[in-house]
Amino acid sequence: MPTEWTPQFEQVLREHLPLLEADQHLLPEARLTALGLDSLATVQLLIGLEDALETTIPDAMLTPENFATPGALWAAMTSLATPQP
């Protein structure tokens, strides 16, 4: 799973994680819910990521697994850029 995400991705993610301290390192395996991501923040995060990364996240990708950790979310986002057969 790729974990070298873009600064834009991390910035948007941090904006929606109220329990993540500004100087705290964001680990790929961190539980987003433990960092304050709730259902409303998830919707706002989705919109923020679509705007910042200039993409559209299909409904099929809106799963708890994809929004569980930063690493899982980044893997889902990078899969959008990978051509599907």
PDB file of N, CA and C in Angstrom:
ATOM      1  N   MET A   1       0.848  -1.182   0.000  1.00  0.00           N
ATOM      2  CA  MET A   1       0.000   0.000   0.000  1.00  0.00           C
ATOM      3  C   MET A   1       0.892   1.243   0.000  1.00  0.00           C
ATOM      4  N   PRO A   2       0.715   2.121  -0.972  1.00  0.00           N
ATOM      5  CA  PRO A   2       1.550   3.323  -1.004  1.00  0.00           C
ATOM      6  C   PRO A   2       1.241   4.248   0.169  1.00  0.00           C
ATOM      7  N   THR A   3       2.292   4.791   0.785  1.00  0.00           N
ATOM      8  CA  THR A   3       2.077   5.677   1.924  1.00  0.00           C
ATOM      9  C   THR A   3       2.717   7.036   1.722  1.00  0.00           C
ATOM     10  N   GLU A   4       3.375   7.249   0.620  1.00  0.00           N
ATOM     11  CA  GLU A   4       3.989   8.549   0.332  1.00  0.00           C
ATOM     12  C   GLU A   4       2.960   9.441  -0.343  1.00  0.00           C
ATOM     13  N   TRP A   5       2.109  10.025   0.470  1.00  0.00           N
ATOM     14  CA  TRP A   5       1.049  10.848  -0.105  1.00  0.00           C
ATOM     15  C   TRP A   5       1.527  12.269  -0.343  1.00  0.00           C
ATOM     16  N   THR A   6       0.723  13.014  -1.084  1.00  0.00           N
ATOM     17  CA  THR A   6       1.068  14.390  -1.446  1.00  0.00           C
ATOM     18  C   THR A   6       0.804  15.331  -0.272  1.00  0.00           C
ATOM     19  N   PRO A   7       1.483  16.468  -0.262  1.00  0.00           N
ATOM     20  CA  PRO A   7       1.203  17.466   0.777  1.00  0.00           C
ATOM     21  C   PRO A   7      -0.256  17.935   0.753  1.00  0.00           C
ATOM     22  N   GLN A   8      -0.849  18.031  -0.426  1.00  0.00           N
ATOM     23  CA  GLN A   8      -2.252  18.460  -0.535  1.00  0.00           C
ATOM     24  C   GLN A   8      -3.173  17.464   0.170  1.00  0.00           C
ATOM     25  N   PHE A   9      -2.907  16.177  -0.020  1.00  0.00           N
ATOM     26  CA  PHE A   9      -3.704  15.132   0.623  1.00  0.00           C
ATOM     27  C   PHE A   9      -3.622  15.274   2.140  1.00  0.00           C
ATOM     28  N   GLU A  10      -2.403  15.392   2.656  1.00  0.00           N
ATOM     29  CA  GLU A  10      -2.243  15.500   4.107  1.00  0.00           C
ATOM     30  C   GLU A  10      -2.872  16.778   4.650  1.00  0.00           C
ATOM     31  N   GLN A  11      -2.740  17.861   3.934  1.00  0.00           N
ATOM     32  CA  GLN A  11      -3.326  19.130   4.393  1.00  0.00           C
ATOM     33  C   GLN A  11      -4.842  19.011   4.522  1.00  0.00           C
ATOM     34  N   VAL A  12      -5.490  18.473   3.504  1.00  0.00           N
ATOM     35  CA  VAL A  12      -6.949  18.315   3.542  1.00  0.00           C
ATOM     36  C   VAL A  12      -7.335  17.353   4.666  1.00  0.00           C
ATOM     37  N   LEU A  13      -6.606  16.280   4.791  1.00  0.00           N
ATOM     38  CA  LEU A  13      -6.906  15.311   5.833  1.00  0.00           C
ATOM     39  C   LEU A  13      -6.781  15.942   7.218  1.00  0.00           C
ATOM     40  N   ARG A  14      -5.712  16.672   7.453  1.00  0.00           N
ATOM     41  CA  ARG A  14      -5.496  17.323   8.753  1.00  0.00           C
ATOM     42  C   ARG A  14      -6.616  18.312   9.087  1.00  0.00           C
ATOM     43  N   GLU A  15      -7.148  18.977   8.076  1.00  0.00           N
ATOM     44  CA  GLU A  15      -8.229  19.949   8.299  1.00  0.00           C
ATOM     45  C   GLU A  15      -9.488  19.298   8.871  1.00  0.00           C
ATOM     46  N   HIS A  16      -9.613  17.973   8.704  1.00  0.00           N
ATOM     47  CA  HIS A  16     -10.820  17.264   9.130  1.00  0.00           C
ATOM     48  C   HIS A  16     -10.570  16.311  10.292  1.00  0.00           C
ATOM     49  N   LEU A  17      -9.402  16.420  10.915  1.00  0.00           N
ATOM     50  CA  LEU A  17      -9.053  15.561  12.053  1.00  0.00           C
ATOM     51  C   LEU A  17      -8.808  16.435  13.284  1.00  0.00           C
ATOM     52  N   PRO A  18      -9.856  16.785  14.010  1.00  0.00           N
ATOM     53  CA  PRO A  18      -9.708  17.727  15.119  1.00  0.00           C
ATOM     54  C   PRO A  18      -8.852  17.229  16.277  1.00  0.00           C
ATOM     55  N   LEU A  19      -8.664  15.931  16.399  1.00  0.00           N
ATOM     56  CA  LEU A  19      -7.881  15.399  17.512  1.00  0.00           C
ATOM     57  C   LEU A  19      -6.409  15.180  17.153  1.00  0.00           C
ATOM     58  N   LEU A  20      -6.030  15.511  15.924  1.00  0.00           N
ATOM     59  CA  LEU A  20      -4.637  15.396  15.499  1.00  0.00           C
ATOM     60  C   LEU A  20      -3.945  16.722  15.766  1.00  0.00           C
ATOM     61  N   GLU A  21      -2.944  16.687  16.628  1.00  0.00           N
ATOM     62  CA  GLU A  21      -2.186  17.895  16.961  1.00  0.00           C
ATOM     63  C   GLU A  21      -1.418  18.377  15.734  1.00  0.00           C
ATOM     64  N   ALA A  22      -1.219  19.678  15.622  1.00  0.00           N
ATOM     65  CA  ALA A  22      -0.540  20.268  14.462  1.00  0.00           C
ATOM     66  C   ALA A  22       0.865  19.712  14.275  1.00  0.00           C
ATOM     67  N   ASP A  23       1.549  19.420  15.379  1.00  0.00           N
ATOM     68  CA  ASP A  23       2.929  18.920  15.271  1.00  0.00           C
ATOM     69  C   ASP A  23       3.011  17.395  15.323  1.00  0.00           C
ATOM     70  N   GLN A  24       1.874  16.717  15.375  1.00  0.00           N
ATOM     71  CA  GLN A  24       1.827  15.259  15.455  1.00  0.00           C
ATOM     72  C   GLN A  24       1.998  14.663  14.061  1.00  0.00           C
ATOM     73  N   HIS A  25       2.881  13.659  13.954  1.00  0.00           N
ATOM     74  CA  HIS A  25       3.099  12.972  12.689  1.00  0.00           C
ATOM     75  C   HIS A  25       1.863  12.135  12.366  1.00  0.00           C
ATOM     76  N   LEU A  26       1.406  12.201  11.138  1.00  0.00           N
ATOM     77  CA  LEU A  26       0.241  11.436  10.699  1.00  0.00           C
ATOM     78  C   LEU A  26       0.718  10.097  10.153  1.00  0.00           C
ATOM     79  N   LEU A  27       0.433   9.033  10.882  1.00  0.00           N
ATOM     80  CA  LEU A  27       0.873   7.692  10.496  1.00  0.00           C
ATOM     81  C   LEU A  27      -0.117   7.053   9.538  1.00  0.00           C
ATOM     82  N   PRO A  28       0.364   6.286   8.570  1.00  0.00           N
ATOM     83  CA  PRO A  28      -0.520   5.640   7.599  1.00  0.00           C
ATOM     84  C   PRO A  28      -1.554   4.714   8.241  1.00  0.00           C
ATOM     85  N   GLU A  29      -1.203   4.117   9.379  1.00  0.00           N
ATOM     86  CA  GLU A  29      -2.093   3.151  10.019  1.00  0.00           C
ATOM     87  C   GLU A  29      -2.971   3.768  11.121  1.00  0.00           C
ATOM     88  N   ALA A  30      -2.908   5.069  11.313  1.00  0.00           N
ATOM     89  CA  ALA A  30      -3.724   5.730  12.336  1.00  0.00           C
ATOM     90  C   ALA A  30      -5.206   5.566  12.012  1.00  0.00           C
ATOM     91  N   ARG A  31      -6.008   5.315  13.032  1.00  0.00           N
ATOM     92  CA  ARG A  31      -7.452   5.203  12.833  1.00  0.00           C
ATOM     93  C   ARG A  31      -8.038   6.607  12.738  1.00  0.00           C
ATOM     94  N   LEU A  32      -8.661   6.916  11.620  1.00  0.00           N
ATOM     95  CA  LEU A  32      -9.197   8.255  11.406  1.00  0.00           C
ATOM     96  C   LEU A  32     -10.292   8.596  12.418  1.00  0.00           C
ATOM     97  N   THR A  33     -11.086   7.620  12.810  1.00  0.00           N
ATOM     98  CA  THR A  33     -12.124   7.893  13.804  1.00  0.00           C
ATOM     99  C   THR A  33     -11.502   8.258  15.152  1.00  0.00           C
ATOM    100  N   ALA A  34     -10.375   7.664  15.485  1.00  0.00           N
ATOM    101  CA  ALA A  34      -9.692   7.983  16.738  1.00  0.00           C
ATOM    102  C   ALA A  34      -9.124   9.404  16.714  1.00  0.00           C
ATOM    103  N   LEU A  35      -8.935   9.941  15.504  1.00  0.00           N
ATOM    104  CA  LEU A  35      -8.419  11.302  15.350  1.00  0.00           C
ATOM    105  C   LEU A  35      -9.547  12.318  15.157  1.00  0.00           C
ATOM    106  N   GLY A  36     -10.792  11.865  15.342  1.00  0.00           N
ATOM    107  CA  GLY A  36     -11.919  12.786  15.333  1.00  0.00           C
ATOM    108  C   GLY A  36     -12.757  12.795  14.073  1.00  0.00           C
ATOM    109  N   LEU A  37     -12.489  11.904  13.121  1.00  0.00           N
ATOM    110  CA  LEU A  37     -13.289  11.885  11.895  1.00  0.00           C
ATOM    111  C   LEU A  37     -14.632  11.223  12.192  1.00  0.00           C
ATOM    112  N   ASP A  38     -15.707  11.987  12.049  1.00  0.00           N
ATOM    113  CA  ASP A  38     -17.049  11.439  12.228  1.00  0.00           C
ATOM    114  C   ASP A  38     -17.762  11.471  10.878  1.00  0.00           C
ATOM    115  N   SER A  39     -19.047  11.134  10.859  1.00  0.00           N
ATOM    116  CA  SER A  39     -19.762  11.029   9.586  1.00  0.00           C
ATOM    117  C   SER A  39     -19.842  12.364   8.852  1.00  0.00           C
ATOM    118  N   LEU A  40     -20.098  13.453   9.564  1.00  0.00           N
ATOM    119  CA  LEU A  40     -20.163  14.760   8.916  1.00  0.00           C
ATOM    120  C   LEU A  40     -18.781  15.162   8.386  1.00  0.00           C
ATOM    121  N   ALA A  41     -17.758  14.941   9.175  1.00  0.00           N
ATOM    122  CA  ALA A  41     -16.405  15.277   8.744  1.00  0.00           C
ATOM    123  C   ALA A  41     -15.980  14.419   7.556  1.00  0.00           C
ATOM    124  N   THR A  42     -16.485  13.193   7.476  1.00  0.00           N
ATOM    125  CA  THR A  42     -16.159  12.325   6.342  1.00  0.00           C
ATOM    126  C   THR A  42     -16.696  12.920   5.048  1.00  0.00           C
ATOM    127  N   VAL A  43     -17.910  13.428   5.086  1.00  0.00           N
ATOM    128  CA  VAL A  43     -18.503  14.059   3.897  1.00  0.00           C
ATOM    129  C   VAL A  43     -17.696  15.301   3.519  1.00  0.00           C
ATOM    130  N   GLN A  44     -17.338  16.109   4.513  1.00  0.00           N
ATOM    131  CA  GLN A  44     -16.548  17.307   4.247  1.00  0.00           C
ATOM    132  C   GLN A  44     -15.155  16.939   3.717  1.00  0.00           C
ATOM    133  N   LEU A  45     -14.579  15.870   4.255  1.00  0.00           N
ATOM    134  CA  LEU A  45     -13.280  15.388   3.781  1.00  0.00           C
ATOM    135  C   LEU A  45     -13.375  14.948   2.329  1.00  0.00           C
ATOM    136  N   LEU A  46     -14.422  14.230   2.006  1.00  0.00           N
ATOM    137  CA  LEU A  46     -14.643  13.772   0.635  1.00  0.00           C
ATOM    138  C   LEU A  46     -14.669  14.958  -0.334  1.00  0.00           C
ATOM    139  N   ILE A  47     -15.428  15.973   0.000  1.00  0.00           N
ATOM    140  CA  ILE A  47     -15.527  17.165  -0.849  1.00  0.00           C
ATOM    141  C   ILE A  47     -14.177  17.870  -0.934  1.00  0.00           C
ATOM    142  N   GLY A  48     -13.502  17.994   0.197  1.00  0.00           N
ATOM    143  CA  GLY A  48     -12.187  18.633   0.213  1.00  0.00           C
ATOM    144  C   GLY A  48     -11.174  17.901  -0.639  1.00  0.00           C
ATOM    145  N   LEU A  49     -11.170  16.574  -0.574  1.00  0.00           N
ATOM    146  CA  LEU A  49     -10.231  15.787  -1.381  1.00  0.00           C
ATOM    147  C   LEU A  49     -10.548  15.912  -2.865  1.00  0.00           C
ATOM    148  N   GLU A  50     -11.821  15.864  -3.204  1.00  0.00           N
ATOM    149  CA  GLU A  50     -12.203  16.004  -4.614  1.00  0.00           C
ATOM    150  C   GLU A  50     -11.754  17.356  -5.157  1.00  0.00           C
ATOM    151  N   ASP A  51     -11.931  18.400  -4.382  1.00  0.00           N
ATOM    152  CA  ASP A  51     -11.522  19.738  -4.819  1.00  0.00           C
ATOM    153  C   ASP A  51     -10.001  19.855  -4.913  1.00  0.00           C
ATOM    154  N   ALA A  52      -9.309  19.453  -3.867  1.00  0.00           N
ATOM    155  CA  ALA A  52      -7.852  19.619  -3.806  1.00  0.00           C
ATOM    156  C   ALA A  52      -7.123  18.756  -4.824  1.00  0.00           C
ATOM    157  N   LEU A  53      -7.630  17.553  -5.041  1.00  0.00           N
ATOM    158  CA  LEU A  53      -6.948  16.623  -5.944  1.00  0.00           C
ATOM    159  C   LEU A  53      -7.574  16.588  -7.328  1.00  0.00           C
ATOM    160  N   GLU A  54      -8.564  17.456  -7.529  1.00  0.00           N
ATOM    161  CA  GLU A  54      -9.230  17.587  -8.823  1.00  0.00           C
ATOM    162  C   GLU A  54      -9.657  16.234  -9.387  1.00  0.00           C
ATOM    163  N   THR A  55     -10.457  15.543  -8.600  1.00  0.00           N
ATOM    164  CA  THR A  55     -10.946  14.229  -9.000  1.00  0.00           C
ATOM    165  C   THR A  55     -12.366  14.049  -8.490  1.00  0.00           C
ATOM    166  N   THR A  56     -12.990  12.990  -8.907  1.00  0.00           N
ATOM    167  CA  THR A  56     -14.301  12.610  -8.405  1.00  0.00           C
ATOM    168  C   THR A  56     -14.174  11.226  -7.798  1.00  0.00           C
ATOM    169  N   ILE A  57     -14.627  11.091  -6.580  1.00  0.00           N
ATOM    170  CA  ILE A  57     -14.566   9.801  -5.907  1.00  0.00           C
ATOM    171  C   ILE A  57     -15.898   9.099  -6.144  1.00  0.00           C
ATOM    172  N   PRO A  58     -15.865   7.947  -6.827  1.00  0.00           N
ATOM    173  CA  PRO A  58     -17.116   7.252  -7.117  1.00  0.00           C
ATOM    174  C   PRO A  58     -17.771   6.712  -5.842  1.00  0.00           C
ATOM    175  N   ASP A  59     -19.090   6.606  -5.874  1.00  0.00           N
ATOM    176  CA  ASP A  59     -19.840   6.117  -4.720  1.00  0.00           C
ATOM    177  C   ASP A  59     -19.346   4.754  -4.241  1.00  0.00           C
ATOM    178  N   ALA A  60     -18.914   3.910  -5.161  1.00  0.00           N
ATOM    179  CA  ALA A  60     -18.446   2.568  -4.799  1.00  0.00           C
ATOM    180  C   ALA A  60     -17.231   2.606  -3.878  1.00  0.00           C
ATOM    181  N   MET A  61     -16.504   3.720  -3.885  1.00  0.00           N
ATOM    182  CA  MET A  61     -15.315   3.841  -3.033  1.00  0.00           C
ATOM    183  C   MET A  61     -15.631   4.402  -1.652  1.00  0.00           C
ATOM    184  N   LEU A  62     -16.870   4.770  -1.420  1.00  0.00           N
ATOM    185  CA  LEU A  62     -17.248   5.357  -0.137  1.00  0.00           C
ATOM    186  C   LEU A  62     -17.564   4.249   0.862  1.00  0.00           C
ATOM    187  N   THR A  63     -16.501   3.557   1.276  1.00  0.00           N
ATOM    188  CA  THR A  63     -16.647   2.442   2.208  1.00  0.00           C
ATOM    189  C   THR A  63     -15.914   2.744   3.510  1.00  0.00           C
ATOM    190  N   PRO A  64     -16.353   2.132   4.591  1.00  0.00           N
ATOM    191  CA  PRO A  64     -15.631   2.321   5.860  1.00  0.00           C
ATOM    192  C   PRO A  64     -14.165   1.894   5.763  1.00  0.00           C
ATOM    193  N   GLU A  65     -13.897   0.874   4.979  1.00  0.00           N
ATOM    194  CA  GLU A  65     -12.519   0.399   4.819  1.00  0.00           C
ATOM    195  C   GLU A  65     -11.635   1.465   4.182  1.00  0.00           C
ATOM    196  N   ASN A  66     -12.131   2.146   3.165  1.00  0.00           N
ATOM    197  CA  ASN A  66     -11.340   3.177   2.485  1.00  0.00           C
ATOM    198  C   ASN A  66     -11.111   4.404   3.363  1.00  0.00           C
ATOM    199  N   PHE A  67     -12.016   4.654   4.302  1.00  0.00           N
ATOM    200  CA  PHE A  67     -11.895   5.816   5.179  1.00  0.00           C
ATOM    201  C   PHE A  67     -11.437   5.424   6.586  1.00  0.00           C
ATOM    202  N   ALA A  68     -10.827   4.247   6.723  1.00  0.00           N
ATOM    203  CA  ALA A  68     -10.394   3.768   8.037  1.00  0.00           C
ATOM    204  C   ALA A  68      -9.083   4.395   8.491  1.00  0.00           C
ATOM    205  N   THR A  69      -8.129   4.502   7.581  1.00  0.00           N
ATOM    206  CA  THR A  69      -6.802   5.017   7.915  1.00  0.00           C
ATOM    207  C   THR A  69      -6.311   5.928   6.791  1.00  0.00           C
ATOM    208  N   PRO A  70      -5.327   6.775   7.071  1.00  0.00           N
ATOM    209  CA  PRO A  70      -4.760   7.593   5.996  1.00  0.00           C
ATOM    210  C   PRO A  70      -4.176   6.733   4.869  1.00  0.00           C
ATOM    211  N   GLY A  71      -3.533   5.635   5.233  1.00  0.00           N
ATOM    212  CA  GLY A  71      -2.945   4.754   4.221  1.00  0.00           C
ATOM    213  C   GLY A  71      -3.989   4.134   3.313  1.00  0.00           C
ATOM    214  N   ALA A  72      -5.092   3.681   3.895  1.00  0.00           N
ATOM    215  CA  ALA A  72      -6.160   3.084   3.095  1.00  0.00           C
ATOM    216  C   ALA A  72      -6.815   4.130   2.199  1.00  0.00           C
ATOM    217  N   LEU A  73      -7.008   5.319   2.728  1.00  0.00           N
ATOM    218  CA  LEU A  73      -7.619   6.384   1.935  1.00  0.00           C
ATOM    219  C   LEU A  73      -6.705   6.803   0.803  1.00  0.00           C
ATOM    220  N   TRP A  74      -5.403   6.912   1.065  1.00  0.00           N
ATOM    221  CA  TRP A  74      -4.466   7.282   0.007  1.00  0.00           C
ATOM    222  C   TRP A  74      -4.409   6.195  -1.067  1.00  0.00           C
ATOM    223  N   ALA A  75      -4.431   4.924  -0.666  1.00  0.00           N
ATOM    224  CA  ALA A  75      -4.442   3.828  -1.636  1.00  0.00           C
ATOM    225  C   ALA A  75      -5.685   3.915  -2.525  1.00  0.00           C
ATOM    226  N   ALA A  76      -6.824   4.231  -1.929  1.00  0.00           N
ATOM    227  CA  ALA A  76      -8.049   4.384  -2.711  1.00  0.00           C
ATOM    228  C   ALA A  76      -7.928   5.562  -3.676  1.00  0.00           C
ATOM    229  N   MET A  77      -7.360   6.668  -3.202  1.00  0.00           N
ATOM    230  CA  MET A  77      -7.206   7.849  -4.063  1.00  0.00           C
ATOM    231  C   MET A  77      -6.246   7.565  -5.222  1.00  0.00           C
ATOM    232  N   THR A  78      -5.154   6.878  -4.952  1.00  0.00           N
ATOM    233  CA  THR A  78      -4.205   6.591  -6.031  1.00  0.00           C
ATOM    234  C   THR A  78      -4.768   5.597  -7.030  1.00  0.00           C
ATOM    235  N   SER A  79      -5.695   4.765  -6.582  1.00  0.00           N
ATOM    236  CA  SER A  79      -6.306   3.826  -7.524  1.00  0.00           C
ATOM    237  C   SER A  79      -7.146   4.551  -8.566  1.00  0.00           C
ATOM    238  N   LEU A  80      -7.590   5.772  -8.255  1.00  0.00           N
ATOM    239  CA  LEU A  80      -8.350   6.555  -9.220  1.00  0.00           C
ATOM    240  C   LEU A  80      -7.478   6.993 -10.393  1.00  0.00           C
ATOM    241  N   ALA A  81      -6.184   7.147 -10.140  1.00  0.00           N
ATOM    242  CA  ALA A  81      -5.263   7.597 -11.184  1.00  0.00           C
ATOM    243  C   ALA A  81      -4.715   6.422 -11.993  1.00  0.00           C
ATOM    244  N   THR A  82      -4.926   5.202 -11.505  1.00  0.00           N
ATOM    245  CA  THR A  82      -4.424   4.007 -12.179  1.00  0.00           C
ATOM    246  C   THR A  82      -5.456   3.532 -13.189  1.00  0.00           C
ATOM    247  N   PRO A  83      -5.069   3.402 -14.458  1.00  0.00           N
ATOM    248  CA  PRO A  83      -6.025   2.914 -15.461  1.00  0.00           C
ATOM    249  C   PRO A  83      -6.525   1.519 -15.113  1.00  0.00           C
ATOM    250  N   GLN A  84      -7.817   1.330 -15.190  1.00  0.00           N
ATOM    251  CA  GLN A  84      -8.420   0.028 -14.917  1.00  0.00           C
ATOM    252  C   GLN A  84      -8.611  -0.714 -16.229  1.00  0.00           C
ATOM    253  N   PRO A  85      -8.337  -2.049 -16.227  1.00  0.00           N
ATOM    254  CA  PRO A  85      -8.505  -2.843 -17.469  1.00  0.00           C
ATOM    255  C   PRO A  85      -9.957  -2.968 -17.867  1.00  0.00           C
TER     256      PRO A  85
END
